[in-house]
């Protein structure tokens, strides 16, 4: 089974380079792979948006966002509990990696 993909546009913090975000989003769209998009995981976490848990639950997931430790903390703060035995989401860091590297990570496997 292919891992699901979640793309965070980091709309409010604006810490991810705009060119990287746009290129990753374009690459995902052109890949034909299904993926979910959110405006900003930080904002969803702060509001404890129940949609956050719905996006993360359900098996293998790759997330395009910023620092892995920050995303894991945001999920925790947002009330997301990863069930025992289920793999934690793999976070691809658009803040530090190139768009090409992030796309390779997201689309592999």
N, C-alpha and C. Protein backbone atom coordinates (compact mmCIF):
# COMPACT_ATOMS: atom_id res chain seq x y z
N UNK A 1 0.84 -1.19 0.00
CA UNK A 1 0.00 0.00 0.00
C UNK A 1 0.88 1.25 0.00
N UNK A 2 0.53 2.22 -0.84
CA UNK A 2 1.28 3.45 -0.95
C UNK A 2 0.99 4.36 0.24
N UNK A 3 2.02 5.02 0.73
CA UNK A 3 1.83 5.96 1.83
C UNK A 3 1.02 7.16 1.36
N UNK A 4 0.17 7.63 2.25
CA UNK A 4 -0.58 8.85 1.96
C UNK A 4 0.35 10.05 2.09
N UNK A 5 -0.03 11.15 1.45
CA UNK A 5 0.79 12.36 1.49
C UNK A 5 -0.06 13.53 1.99
N UNK A 6 0.52 14.30 2.90
CA UNK A 6 -0.10 15.52 3.42
C UNK A 6 0.86 16.67 3.17
N UNK A 7 0.39 17.70 2.48
CA UNK A 7 1.20 18.87 2.17
C UNK A 7 0.72 20.05 3.01
N UNK A 8 1.64 20.66 3.77
CA UNK A 8 1.33 21.86 4.55
C UNK A 8 1.89 23.07 3.81
N UNK A 9 1.05 24.04 3.54
CA UNK A 9 1.50 25.23 2.80
C UNK A 9 2.15 26.27 3.72
N UNK A 10 2.18 26.00 5.02
CA UNK A 10 2.84 26.92 5.98
C UNK A 10 2.49 28.37 5.68
N UNK A 11 1.20 28.63 5.58
CA UNK A 11 0.71 29.93 5.14
C UNK A 11 0.93 31.06 6.13
N UNK A 12 0.93 30.76 7.42
CA UNK A 12 0.97 31.83 8.41
C UNK A 12 2.36 32.10 8.95
N UNK A 13 3.12 31.07 9.25
CA UNK A 13 4.45 31.27 9.81
C UNK A 13 5.43 31.80 8.77
N UNK A 14 5.24 31.44 7.53
CA UNK A 14 6.09 31.89 6.42
C UNK A 14 7.57 31.64 6.71
N UNK A 15 7.89 30.44 7.20
CA UNK A 15 9.28 30.09 7.49
C UNK A 15 9.87 29.17 6.41
N UNK A 16 9.00 28.65 5.54
CA UNK A 16 9.46 27.79 4.45
C UNK A 16 9.60 28.66 3.20
N UNK A 17 10.73 28.54 2.49
CA UNK A 17 10.91 29.36 1.29
C UNK A 17 9.75 29.17 0.30
N UNK A 18 9.21 30.28 -0.16
CA UNK A 18 8.06 30.26 -1.06
C UNK A 18 8.33 29.43 -2.32
N UNK A 19 9.53 29.56 -2.88
CA UNK A 19 9.86 28.82 -4.11
C UNK A 19 9.83 27.31 -3.87
N UNK A 20 10.28 26.86 -2.71
CA UNK A 20 10.27 25.43 -2.38
C UNK A 20 8.84 24.95 -2.24
N UNK A 21 8.01 25.70 -1.50
CA UNK A 21 6.61 25.30 -1.33
C UNK A 21 5.92 25.17 -2.68
N UNK A 22 6.10 26.17 -3.53
CA UNK A 22 5.42 26.17 -4.83
C UNK A 22 5.90 25.02 -5.71
N UNK A 23 7.20 24.74 -5.70
CA UNK A 23 7.74 23.67 -6.53
C UNK A 23 7.28 22.30 -6.03
N UNK A 24 7.24 22.12 -4.71
CA UNK A 24 6.76 20.85 -4.14
C UNK A 24 5.29 20.67 -4.49
N UNK A 25 4.48 21.70 -4.33
CA UNK A 25 3.06 21.61 -4.65
C UNK A 25 2.85 21.30 -6.13
N UNK A 26 3.59 21.97 -6.99
CA UNK A 26 3.50 21.71 -8.43
C UNK A 26 3.90 20.27 -8.74
N UNK A 27 5.00 19.80 -8.14
CA UNK A 27 5.45 18.43 -8.37
C UNK A 27 4.44 17.40 -7.92
N UNK A 28 3.82 17.63 -6.76
CA UNK A 28 2.79 16.70 -6.28
C UNK A 28 1.60 16.68 -7.24
N UNK A 29 1.18 17.85 -7.67
CA UNK A 29 0.04 17.95 -8.58
C UNK A 29 0.34 17.23 -9.90
N UNK A 30 1.52 17.44 -10.44
CA UNK A 30 1.90 16.83 -11.71
C UNK A 30 2.14 15.33 -11.60
N UNK A 31 2.41 14.84 -10.38
CA UNK A 31 2.69 13.42 -10.19
C UNK A 31 1.45 12.55 -10.40
N UNK A 32 0.28 13.12 -10.23
CA UNK A 32 -0.94 12.35 -10.33
C UNK A 32 -1.29 11.58 -9.07
N UNK A 33 -0.39 11.59 -8.08
CA UNK A 33 -0.65 10.90 -6.80
C UNK A 33 -1.66 11.71 -5.99
N UNK A 34 -2.56 11.03 -5.32
CA UNK A 34 -3.48 11.76 -4.44
C UNK A 34 -2.73 12.31 -3.23
N UNK A 35 -3.12 13.48 -2.80
CA UNK A 35 -2.54 14.07 -1.59
C UNK A 35 -3.53 15.06 -1.00
N UNK A 36 -3.39 15.28 0.30
CA UNK A 36 -4.21 16.26 1.00
C UNK A 36 -3.37 17.51 1.24
N UNK A 37 -4.02 18.64 1.24
CA UNK A 37 -3.34 19.92 1.46
C UNK A 37 -4.01 20.66 2.61
N UNK A 38 -3.19 21.24 3.49
CA UNK A 38 -3.71 22.12 4.54
C UNK A 38 -2.98 23.45 4.44
N UNK A 39 -3.67 24.50 4.84
CA UNK A 39 -3.05 25.83 4.79
C UNK A 39 -1.90 25.94 5.77
N UNK A 40 -2.10 25.44 7.00
CA UNK A 40 -1.06 25.60 8.01
C UNK A 40 -1.30 24.66 9.19
N UNK A 41 -0.38 23.70 9.38
CA UNK A 41 -0.49 22.76 10.50
C UNK A 41 -0.39 23.47 11.84
N UNK A 42 0.41 24.52 11.93
CA UNK A 42 0.54 25.26 13.19
C UNK A 42 -0.81 25.82 13.63
N UNK A 43 -1.52 26.42 12.69
CA UNK A 43 -2.81 27.01 12.98
C UNK A 43 -3.82 25.94 13.37
N UNK A 44 -3.80 24.80 12.66
CA UNK A 44 -4.71 23.70 13.00
C UNK A 44 -4.44 23.18 14.39
N UNK A 45 -3.16 23.06 14.75
CA UNK A 45 -2.78 22.59 16.07
C UNK A 45 -3.23 23.57 17.14
N UNK A 46 -3.01 24.85 16.91
CA UNK A 46 -3.37 25.88 17.88
C UNK A 46 -4.87 25.86 18.16
N UNK A 47 -5.68 25.60 17.13
CA UNK A 47 -7.14 25.54 17.29
C UNK A 47 -7.62 24.17 17.75
N UNK A 48 -6.67 23.21 17.84
CA UNK A 48 -7.00 21.81 18.14
C UNK A 48 -8.12 21.34 17.21
N UNK A 49 -7.92 21.63 15.94
CA UNK A 49 -8.86 21.29 14.88
C UNK A 49 -9.01 19.76 14.80
N UNK A 50 -10.23 19.23 14.95
CA UNK A 50 -10.42 17.78 14.87
C UNK A 50 -10.05 17.20 13.50
N UNK A 51 -10.05 18.03 12.48
CA UNK A 51 -9.67 17.57 11.14
C UNK A 51 -8.21 17.12 11.11
N UNK A 52 -7.41 17.65 12.01
CA UNK A 52 -5.99 17.27 12.07
C UNK A 52 -5.85 15.78 12.35
N UNK A 53 -6.56 15.28 13.33
CA UNK A 53 -6.50 13.85 13.65
C UNK A 53 -7.00 13.02 12.48
N UNK A 54 -8.06 13.47 11.84
CA UNK A 54 -8.62 12.73 10.70
C UNK A 54 -7.61 12.65 9.55
N UNK A 55 -6.83 13.70 9.36
CA UNK A 55 -5.82 13.70 8.30
C UNK A 55 -4.68 12.73 8.60
N UNK A 56 -4.32 12.61 9.87
CA UNK A 56 -3.14 11.83 10.25
C UNK A 56 -3.48 10.35 10.47
N UNK A 57 -4.67 10.07 10.99
CA UNK A 57 -5.04 8.68 11.27
C UNK A 57 -5.22 7.91 9.97
N UNK A 58 -5.00 6.61 10.06
CA UNK A 58 -5.31 5.78 8.91
C UNK A 58 -4.12 5.16 8.23
N UNK A 59 -3.01 5.04 8.93
CA UNK A 59 -1.88 4.33 8.36
C UNK A 59 -0.76 5.22 7.89
N UNK A 60 0.09 4.63 7.07
CA UNK A 60 1.34 5.26 6.64
C UNK A 60 1.09 6.63 6.02
N UNK A 61 1.89 7.60 6.46
CA UNK A 61 1.71 8.98 6.03
C UNK A 61 3.06 9.68 5.90
N UNK A 62 3.20 10.47 4.85
CA UNK A 62 4.34 11.37 4.69
C UNK A 62 3.79 12.78 4.71
N UNK A 63 4.49 13.67 5.43
CA UNK A 63 4.05 15.05 5.57
C UNK A 63 5.13 15.99 5.03
N UNK A 64 4.76 16.86 4.12
CA UNK A 64 5.66 17.91 3.64
C UNK A 64 5.37 19.15 4.47
N UNK A 65 6.34 19.56 5.28
CA UNK A 65 6.13 20.71 6.17
C UNK A 65 7.49 21.32 6.51
N UNK A 66 7.79 21.43 7.80
CA UNK A 66 9.07 22.01 8.22
C UNK A 66 9.84 20.98 9.04
N UNK A 67 10.38 21.38 10.18
CA UNK A 67 11.20 20.47 10.99
C UNK A 67 10.38 19.29 11.52
N UNK A 68 10.90 18.07 11.40
CA UNK A 68 10.17 16.90 11.90
C UNK A 68 9.79 17.02 13.38
N UNK A 69 10.70 17.52 14.21
CA UNK A 69 10.38 17.61 15.64
C UNK A 69 9.25 18.62 15.88
N UNK A 70 9.20 19.68 15.09
CA UNK A 70 8.12 20.67 15.24
C UNK A 70 6.78 20.06 14.83
N UNK A 71 6.77 19.31 13.74
CA UNK A 71 5.52 18.71 13.27
C UNK A 71 5.01 17.69 14.29
N UNK A 72 5.92 16.88 14.85
CA UNK A 72 5.51 15.90 15.85
C UNK A 72 4.92 16.59 17.08
N UNK A 73 5.52 17.71 17.49
CA UNK A 73 5.01 18.47 18.62
C UNK A 73 3.65 19.07 18.28
N UNK A 74 3.51 19.60 17.07
CA UNK A 74 2.23 20.18 16.65
C UNK A 74 1.11 19.14 16.66
N UNK A 75 1.43 17.94 16.19
CA UNK A 75 0.43 16.87 16.20
C UNK A 75 0.02 16.55 17.64
N UNK A 76 1.01 16.43 18.51
CA UNK A 76 0.74 16.15 19.92
C UNK A 76 -0.13 17.26 20.52
N UNK A 77 0.26 18.51 20.31
CA UNK A 77 -0.48 19.65 20.86
C UNK A 77 -1.89 19.73 20.27
N UNK A 78 -2.03 19.25 19.04
CA UNK A 78 -3.33 19.26 18.39
C UNK A 78 -4.22 18.10 18.80
N UNK A 79 -3.73 17.26 19.72
CA UNK A 79 -4.53 16.16 20.22
C UNK A 79 -4.45 14.88 19.41
N UNK A 80 -3.51 14.81 18.48
CA UNK A 80 -3.38 13.61 17.65
C UNK A 80 -2.60 12.56 18.43
N UNK A 81 -3.16 11.37 18.51
CA UNK A 81 -2.50 10.24 19.17
C UNK A 81 -2.23 9.18 18.11
N UNK A 82 -0.96 8.82 17.95
CA UNK A 82 -0.60 7.76 17.01
C UNK A 82 -0.83 6.44 17.74
N UNK A 83 -1.72 5.59 17.21
CA UNK A 83 -2.01 4.32 17.90
C UNK A 83 -0.76 3.44 18.05
N UNK A 84 -0.72 2.70 19.14
CA UNK A 84 0.37 1.76 19.42
C UNK A 84 0.56 0.85 18.21
N UNK A 85 1.79 0.70 17.79
CA UNK A 85 2.10 -0.19 16.68
C UNK A 85 2.01 0.47 15.32
N UNK A 86 1.44 1.66 15.24
CA UNK A 86 1.34 2.38 13.97
C UNK A 86 2.56 3.28 13.83
N UNK A 87 3.12 3.31 12.64
CA UNK A 87 4.31 4.13 12.39
C UNK A 87 3.97 5.61 12.50
N UNK A 88 4.90 6.37 13.07
CA UNK A 88 4.73 7.82 13.09
C UNK A 88 4.85 8.34 11.66
N UNK A 89 4.18 9.45 11.36
CA UNK A 89 4.31 10.02 10.02
C UNK A 89 5.76 10.39 9.72
N UNK A 90 6.16 10.24 8.48
CA UNK A 90 7.49 10.66 8.05
C UNK A 90 7.37 12.11 7.60
N UNK A 91 8.20 12.98 8.17
CA UNK A 91 8.14 14.40 7.87
C UNK A 91 9.28 14.79 6.94
N UNK A 92 8.92 15.40 5.83
CA UNK A 92 9.89 15.89 4.85
C UNK A 92 10.02 17.40 5.07
N UNK A 93 11.24 17.86 5.29
CA UNK A 93 11.52 19.21 5.75
C UNK A 93 11.71 20.19 4.59
N UNK A 94 10.65 20.92 4.24
CA UNK A 94 10.75 21.91 3.16
C UNK A 94 11.52 23.15 3.59
N UNK A 95 11.74 23.29 4.88
CA UNK A 95 12.47 24.47 5.38
C UNK A 95 13.96 24.37 5.07
N UNK A 96 14.49 23.14 5.09
CA UNK A 96 15.93 22.96 4.90
C UNK A 96 16.31 22.20 3.64
N UNK A 97 15.41 21.36 3.13
CA UNK A 97 15.72 20.55 1.96
C UNK A 97 15.28 21.25 0.68
N UNK A 98 15.87 20.84 -0.44
CA UNK A 98 15.44 21.37 -1.73
C UNK A 98 14.10 20.75 -2.11
N UNK A 99 13.39 21.41 -3.01
CA UNK A 99 12.11 20.87 -3.48
C UNK A 99 12.32 19.51 -4.12
N UNK A 100 13.40 19.35 -4.86
CA UNK A 100 13.69 18.07 -5.52
C UNK A 100 13.85 16.95 -4.49
N UNK A 101 14.59 17.23 -3.41
CA UNK A 101 14.79 16.23 -2.36
C UNK A 101 13.48 15.88 -1.68
N UNK A 102 12.67 16.88 -1.37
CA UNK A 102 11.39 16.64 -0.71
C UNK A 102 10.48 15.81 -1.61
N UNK A 103 10.42 16.15 -2.89
CA UNK A 103 9.58 15.40 -3.81
C UNK A 103 10.06 13.95 -3.93
N UNK A 104 11.37 13.75 -3.99
CA UNK A 104 11.91 12.38 -4.03
C UNK A 104 11.44 11.59 -2.81
N UNK A 105 11.50 12.21 -1.64
CA UNK A 105 11.08 11.55 -0.39
C UNK A 105 9.58 11.26 -0.40
N UNK A 106 8.80 12.22 -0.86
CA UNK A 106 7.35 12.05 -0.85
C UNK A 106 6.86 11.01 -1.84
N UNK A 107 7.47 10.97 -3.01
CA UNK A 107 6.96 10.13 -4.08
C UNK A 107 7.62 8.77 -4.17
N UNK A 108 8.65 8.51 -3.37
CA UNK A 108 9.30 7.21 -3.40
C UNK A 108 8.47 6.19 -2.61
N UNK A 109 8.62 4.94 -2.97
CA UNK A 109 7.97 3.87 -2.21
C UNK A 109 6.57 3.56 -2.63
